[in-house]
Amino acid sequence: MKKLILIRHAKSSWEHDVIDHERPLNPRGITDAGLISDALKLKKLNIDLVLISDAERTKLTANIILPKLNIDKDNIRYNHKLYDFSGSDLVNVIKNCDDSVNELMVFGHNHAITAFVNTYGDTYIDNVPTCGTVIIAFQTDTWSEIASGKTIFTLFPRDLK
């Protein structure tokens, strides 16, 4: 069985005169990522690999969440292909993951996250909000063969306020 934990980056700031790729988090985003981190710590996840979009807001979100999950730094990688909004690169990155990875965490962007969740999960979500987390389980041992999975967990910042 494969388990995928998808996390949309936290709320970003539009106050800085930077390109989209370099936008940081705003104060709400920082707070929300902390809330999600505390809640995920309680799940006692067994994550084998973390893939993070190399955009500033996803890196900052991951930097807040990951320390509480005690993941070996050798199992954390940045991937420019995850700076994807349509979802095609997100699907390719996940389907090309090494099969030795059973529990994969991915930090990415919308519309790609919501599209993936609604294509591969069994629970329709109108919009995965910023810092929203969705876990999908797949009854396969091969990432390239993932198809219809079961949405086993959702967590949105509004659930924690």
C-alpha atoms as a PDB file:
ATOM      1  CA  MET A   1       0.000   0.000   0.000  1.00  0.00           C
ATOM      2  CA  LYS A   2       1.169   3.533  -0.804  1.00  0.00           C
ATOM      3  CA  LYS A   3       0.213   6.567   1.251  1.00  0.00           C
ATOM      4  CA  LEU A   4       0.425  10.105  -0.115  1.00  0.00           C
ATOM      5  CA  ILE A   5       0.309  13.192   2.107  1.00  0.00           C
ATOM      6  CA  LEU A   6      -0.367  16.323   0.052  1.00  0.00           C
ATOM      7  CA  ILE A   7       0.092  19.752   1.622  1.00  0.00           C
ATOM      8  CA  ARG A   8      -0.703  22.994  -0.130  1.00  0.00           C
ATOM      9  CA  HIS A   9       1.668  25.810   0.876  1.00  0.00           C
ATOM     10  CA  ALA A  10       0.466  28.172   3.596  1.00  0.00           C
ATOM     11  CA  LYS A  11      -0.984  31.618   2.878  1.00  0.00           C
ATOM     12  CA  SER A  12       1.542  33.762   1.052  1.00  0.00           C
ATOM     13  CA  SER A  13       2.148  37.476   1.141  1.00  0.00           C
ATOM     14  CA  TRP A  14       1.520  39.841  -1.740  1.00  0.00           C
ATOM     15  CA  GLU A  15       3.168  42.781   0.048  1.00  0.00           C
ATOM     16  CA  HIS A  16       6.626  42.194  -1.403  1.00  0.00           C
ATOM     17  CA  ASP A  17       7.767  43.306  -4.836  1.00  0.00           C
ATOM     18  CA  VAL A  18       9.044  39.897  -5.911  1.00  0.00           C
ATOM     19  CA  ILE A  19       8.273  37.399  -8.647  1.00  0.00           C
ATOM     20  CA  ASP A  20       5.661  34.744  -7.848  1.00  0.00           C
ATOM     21  CA  HIS A  21       8.292  32.071  -7.201  1.00  0.00           C
ATOM     22  CA  GLU A  22       9.852  34.214  -4.445  1.00  0.00           C
ATOM     23  CA  ARG A  23       6.722  35.198  -2.491  1.00  0.00           C
ATOM     24  CA  PRO A  24       7.087  34.506   1.267  1.00  0.00           C
ATOM     25  CA  LEU A  25       4.388  33.586   3.774  1.00  0.00           C
ATOM     26  CA  ASN A  26       2.210  36.155   5.484  1.00  0.00           C
ATOM     27  CA  PRO A  27       1.626  36.085   9.275  1.00  0.00           C
ATOM     28  CA  ARG A  28      -1.545  33.977   8.918  1.00  0.00           C
ATOM     29  CA  GLY A  29       0.364  31.473   6.802  1.00  0.00           C
ATOM     30  CA  ILE A  30       3.055  31.136   9.453  1.00  0.00           C
ATOM     31  CA  THR A  31       0.418  30.598  12.162  1.00  0.00           C
ATOM     32  CA  ASP A  32      -1.541  28.085  10.059  1.00  0.00           C
ATOM     33  CA  ALA A  33       1.575  26.055   9.257  1.00  0.00           C
ATOM     34  CA  GLY A  34       2.325  25.842  12.983  1.00  0.00           C
ATOM     35  CA  LEU A  35      -1.204  24.590  13.694  1.00  0.00           C
ATOM     36  CA  ILE A  36      -0.999  21.967  10.950  1.00  0.00           C
ATOM     37  CA  SER A  37       2.439  20.896  12.193  1.00  0.00           C
ATOM     38  CA  ASP A  38       1.138  20.296  15.719  1.00  0.00           C
ATOM     39  CA  ALA A  39      -1.820  18.284  14.410  1.00  0.00           C
ATOM     40  CA  LEU A  40       0.294  16.169  12.038  1.00  0.00           C
ATOM     41  CA  LYS A  41       2.732  15.360  14.853  1.00  0.00           C
ATOM     42  CA  LEU A  42      -0.157  13.634  16.647  1.00  0.00           C
ATOM     43  CA  LYS A  43      -0.784  11.416  13.571  1.00  0.00           C
ATOM     44  CA  LYS A  44       2.591   9.687  14.072  1.00  0.00           C
ATOM     45  CA  LEU A  45       3.261   9.486  10.359  1.00  0.00           C
ATOM     46  CA  ASN A  46       6.029   7.236   9.019  1.00  0.00           C
ATOM     47  CA  ILE A  47       7.205   9.354   6.085  1.00  0.00           C
ATOM     48  CA  ASP A  48       9.875   7.861   3.827  1.00  0.00           C
ATOM     49  CA  LEU A  49      10.350  10.828   1.497  1.00  0.00           C
ATOM     50  CA  VAL A  50       9.354  14.507   1.356  1.00  0.00           C
ATOM     51  CA  LEU A  51       9.244  16.371  -1.951  1.00  0.00           C
ATOM     52  CA  ILE A  52       8.894  20.151  -1.871  1.00  0.00           C
ATOM     53  CA  SER A  53       8.318  22.698  -4.615  1.00  0.00           C
ATOM     54  CA  ASP A  54      11.305  25.028  -4.724  1.00  0.00           C
ATOM     55  CA  ALA A  55       9.081  28.124  -4.476  1.00  0.00           C
ATOM     56  CA  GLU A  56       9.796  30.233  -1.388  1.00  0.00           C
ATOM     57  CA  ARG A  57       6.297  29.814   0.115  1.00  0.00           C
ATOM     58  CA  THR A  58       6.396  26.012  -0.100  1.00  0.00           C
ATOM     59  CA  LYS A  59       9.924  25.858   1.334  1.00  0.00           C
ATOM     60  CA  LEU A  60       8.885  28.117   4.230  1.00  0.00           C
ATOM     61  CA  THR A  61       5.743  26.035   4.869  1.00  0.00           C
ATOM     62  CA  ALA A  62       7.816  22.848   4.940  1.00  0.00           C
ATOM     63  CA  ASN A  63      10.408  24.480   7.217  1.00  0.00           C
ATOM     64  CA  ILE A  64       7.671  25.131   9.783  1.00  0.00           C
ATOM     65  CA  ILE A  65       5.940  21.741   9.529  1.00  0.00           C
ATOM     66  CA  LEU A  66       8.780  19.247   9.089  1.00  0.00           C
ATOM     67  CA  PRO A  67      10.841  19.831  12.277  1.00  0.00           C
ATOM     68  CA  LYS A  68       8.013  18.521  14.450  1.00  0.00           C
ATOM     69  CA  LEU A  69       7.718  15.357  12.339  1.00  0.00           C
ATOM     70  CA  ASN A  70      11.324  14.232  12.954  1.00  0.00           C
ATOM     71  CA  ILE A  71      12.097  13.393   9.340  1.00  0.00           C
ATOM     72  CA  ASP A  72      15.701  12.646   8.411  1.00  0.00           C
ATOM     73  CA  LYS A  73      17.068  15.549   6.336  1.00  0.00           C
ATOM     74  CA  ASP A  74      18.405  13.034   3.793  1.00  0.00           C
ATOM     75  CA  ASN A  75      14.782  12.196   2.987  1.00  0.00           C
ATOM     76  CA  ILE A  76      13.817  15.781   2.104  1.00  0.00           C
ATOM     77  CA  ARG A  77      14.214  16.999  -1.484  1.00  0.00           C
ATOM     78  CA  TYR A  78      13.274  20.111  -3.438  1.00  0.00           C
ATOM     79  CA  ASN A  79      11.849  19.689  -6.915  1.00  0.00           C
ATOM     80  CA  HIS A  80      11.230  22.531  -9.351  1.00  0.00           C
ATOM     81  CA  LYS A  81       8.695  20.395 -11.255  1.00  0.00           C
ATOM     82  CA  LEU A  82       6.389  20.733  -8.227  1.00  0.00           C
ATOM     83  CA  TYR A  83       6.130  24.466  -8.959  1.00  0.00           C
ATOM     84  CA  ASP A  84       3.153  23.309 -10.979  1.00  0.00           C
ATOM     85  CA  PHE A  85      -0.338  24.718 -11.125  1.00  0.00           C
ATOM     86  CA  SER A  86      -2.030  22.531 -13.755  1.00  0.00           C
ATOM     87  CA  GLY A  87      -1.186  19.248 -12.051  1.00  0.00           C
ATOM     88  CA  SER A  88       0.496  17.335 -14.880  1.00  0.00           C
ATOM     89  CA  ASP A  89       3.985  17.682 -13.398  1.00  0.00           C
ATOM     90  CA  LEU A  90       2.683  16.845  -9.920  1.00  0.00           C
ATOM     91  CA  VAL A  91       1.213  13.589 -11.241  1.00  0.00           C
ATOM     92  CA  ASN A  92       4.447  12.747 -13.076  1.00  0.00           C
ATOM     93  CA  VAL A  93       6.631  13.397 -10.034  1.00  0.00           C
ATOM     94  CA  ILE A  94       4.437  11.193  -7.832  1.00  0.00           C
ATOM     95  CA  LYS A  95       4.100   8.390 -10.393  1.00  0.00           C
ATOM     96  CA  ASN A  96       7.881   8.359 -10.890  1.00  0.00           C
ATOM     97  CA  CYS A  97       8.621   8.032  -7.191  1.00  0.00           C
ATOM     98  CA  ASP A  98      10.783   5.060  -6.233  1.00  0.00           C
ATOM     99  CA  ASP A  99       8.675   2.105  -5.103  1.00  0.00           C
ATOM    100  CA  SER A 100      10.777   1.687  -1.960  1.00  0.00           C
ATOM    101  CA  VAL A 101       8.923   4.792  -0.705  1.00  0.00           C
ATOM    102  CA  ASN A 102       5.678   3.758   0.961  1.00  0.00           C
ATOM    103  CA  GLU A 103       4.705   7.041   2.610  1.00  0.00           C
ATOM    104  CA  LEU A 104       5.313  10.142   0.495  1.00  0.00           C
ATOM    105  CA  MET A 105       4.735  13.755   1.572  1.00  0.00           C
ATOM    106  CA  VAL A 106       4.484  16.449  -1.115  1.00  0.00           C
ATOM    107  CA  PHE A 107       4.333  20.222  -0.619  1.00  0.00           C
ATOM    108  CA  GLY A 108       2.861  21.977  -3.634  1.00  0.00           C
ATOM    109  CA  HIS A 109       0.492  24.490  -5.131  1.00  0.00           C
ATOM    110  CA  ASN A 110      -3.072  24.882  -6.243  1.00  0.00           C
ATOM    111  CA  HIS A 111      -4.771  24.144  -8.697  1.00  0.00           C
ATOM    112  CA  ALA A 112      -2.529  21.075  -8.939  1.00  0.00           C
ATOM    113  CA  ILE A 113      -3.229  19.879  -5.360  1.00  0.00           C
ATOM    114  CA  THR A 114      -7.019  20.181  -5.616  1.00  0.00           C
ATOM    115  CA  ALA A 115      -7.060  18.579  -9.077  1.00  0.00           C
ATOM    116  CA  PHE A 116      -4.956  15.648  -7.835  1.00  0.00           C
ATOM    117  CA  VAL A 117      -7.117  15.123  -4.746  1.00  0.00           C
ATOM    118  CA  ASN A 118     -10.303  15.094  -6.821  1.00  0.00           C
ATOM    119  CA  THR A 119      -8.855  12.857  -9.531  1.00  0.00           C
ATOM    120  CA  TYR A 120      -7.181  10.262  -7.304  1.00  0.00           C
ATOM    121  CA  GLY A 121      -9.065  10.486  -3.999  1.00  0.00           C
ATOM    122  CA  ASP A 122     -12.610   9.348  -3.285  1.00  0.00           C
ATOM    123  CA  THR A 123     -13.790  12.519  -1.516  1.00  0.00           C
ATOM    124  CA  TYR A 124     -14.570  15.616  -3.568  1.00  0.00           C
ATOM    125  CA  ILE A 125     -13.028  18.794  -2.162  1.00  0.00           C
ATOM    126  CA  ASP A 126     -14.090  22.024  -3.851  1.00  0.00           C
ATOM    127  CA  ASN A 127     -10.799  23.730  -3.007  1.00  0.00           C
ATOM    128  CA  VAL A 128      -7.933  22.550  -0.831  1.00  0.00           C
ATOM    129  CA  PRO A 129      -7.206  25.741   1.140  1.00  0.00           C
ATOM    130  CA  THR A 130      -3.771  27.134   1.868  1.00  0.00           C
ATOM    131  CA  CYS A 131      -1.933  24.802   4.246  1.00  0.00           C
ATOM    132  CA  GLY A 132      -4.655  22.197   3.638  1.00  0.00           C
ATOM    133  CA  THR A 133      -3.517  18.615   4.071  1.00  0.00           C
ATOM    134  CA  VAL A 134      -5.024  15.565   2.397  1.00  0.00           C
ATOM    135  CA  ILE A 135      -3.889  11.965   2.803  1.00  0.00           C
ATOM    136  CA  ILE A 136      -4.781   9.411   0.153  1.00  0.00           C
ATOM    137  CA  ALA A 137      -4.080   5.662   0.424  1.00  0.00           C
ATOM    138  CA  PHE A 138      -3.588   3.532  -2.676  1.00  0.00           C
ATOM    139  CA  GLN A 139      -3.943  -0.246  -2.785  1.00  0.00           C
ATOM    140  CA  THR A 140      -0.817  -0.798  -4.857  1.00  0.00           C
ATOM    141  CA  ASP A 141       2.879  -1.344  -4.284  1.00  0.00           C
ATOM    142  CA  THR A 142       3.869   0.672  -7.362  1.00  0.00           C
ATOM    143  CA  TRP A 143       3.617   4.460  -7.611  1.00  0.00           C
ATOM    144  CA  SER A 144       3.355   4.332 -11.402  1.00  0.00           C
ATOM    145  CA  GLU A 145       0.150   2.305 -11.046  1.00  0.00           C
ATOM    146  CA  ILE A 146      -1.725   4.579  -8.641  1.00  0.00           C
ATOM    147  CA  ALA A 147      -5.264   5.185  -9.830  1.00  0.00           C
ATOM    148  CA  SER A 148      -8.298   5.402  -7.607  1.00  0.00           C
ATOM    149  CA  GLY A 149      -7.322   5.850  -3.980  1.00  0.00           C
ATOM    150  CA  LYS A 150      -9.144   6.352  -0.704  1.00  0.00           C
ATOM    151  CA  THR A 151      -9.071   9.765   0.960  1.00  0.00           C
ATOM    152  CA  ILE A 152      -8.302   8.765   4.536  1.00  0.00           C
ATOM    153  CA  PHE A 153      -7.640  12.136   6.185  1.00  0.00           C
ATOM    154  CA  THR A 154      -8.199  15.834   5.581  1.00  0.00           C
ATOM    155  CA  LEU A 155      -7.008  18.674   7.751  1.00  0.00           C
ATOM    156  CA  PHE A 156      -7.524  22.350   7.039  1.00  0.00           C
ATOM    157  CA  PRO A 157      -6.382  25.266   9.218  1.00  0.00           C
ATOM    158  CA  ARG A 158     -10.002  26.319   9.807  1.00  0.00           C
ATOM    159  CA  ASP A 159     -10.546  22.940  11.537  1.00  0.00           C
ATOM    160  CA  LEU A 160      -8.013  23.951  14.182  1.00  0.00           C
ATOM    161  CA  LYS A 161      -9.255  27.446  15.020  1.00  0.00           C
END
